[in-house]
Amino acid sequence: MDACFLESPLGPQGKKSPAPRIVGGLVPHAGYIYSGPCAAHLYACLEPSIRCVILLGVNHGSRGAPAALSPWQCWHTPLGDIPIDQELNSLLRERVSFLTQDERPHIREHSIEVQLPFLQRFLTEFTLLPISFSHLSVDECHDLGEILAELCAPPERRTLILASSDLNHYLSPAETEVLDRLALERVLALDPEGLLDTVEKQNISMCGVMPATVLLFAINALGVKRARLLKHYHSGQVTHMSEVVGYASVCFEK
């Protein structure tokens, strides 16, 4: 996991610099055999002391509300129950008019749930705020990102914002590499508008572009200056298929 190492532990006058704090991340959400090792690069870098995870997922089937909070008190996995952060859930419902509680976008969707065992394995105790998206305007992405940043800015909250997204789908490895890199360039540049524009103009089938865009607006509002690509590969490197899906893990540090 050498991607998690800092370039130098020493600052000016040879004094030890504080380690950057990961406040956000982009992780893939395919089956564990495909994208699990890629996602693990991010999760292995997290501080176990994180107390709340805002997890932005994809509504692949476009069921129900276009931007949906979880209606349940907790989410269950074989590793146990994860409580929903009811305080943040209520605050978001009050402040964001286009957010609603709706089970339909969540109940048959995998993009959020596949992240949960990783979080349960690497964090000690945390609450969850899952939000599922099918489509938002750029203005809605901006407004939601700004509000998320405001709510999780206090350091005592110890909050992490994650966007769940795979990259390009079902082209050759060579084509996938080109299109993935175009999208990742905008992600690493912390450029939400550029990401949306690139995905649209280049016809990149990045399923989680909405969660990623909201995340980028949020981390910009939080003052993040550094993004790191931890891992990037495609499904053909696992299955040797001719049409592949791209996966990447990116962390955002403050």
Foldseek 3Di string as FASTA:
>chain_A
DVLLDDPDQADPPRHGDDDWAFAEKEFAFDPCLFGVVQRLLVLVNHDQAQAEEEEEEELVVPPDAQKEKAPDQWDADPVGTAGAPVVVVVVCVVPQVSYYHDCGSPPPDGQPVSCVVSNVVRHPHYHYIYMYHHDDDLVSLLVLLLVVLVVCLPVVNNYHYYFYKWWAWFAFQVVRVVRRVCLVVCLQVLHLVSNVVSCVVVVIPIRRSSSSSSNSSNVVSSVFDGKGWRDKDWRCVSVVDGTIIITTMMTTTD
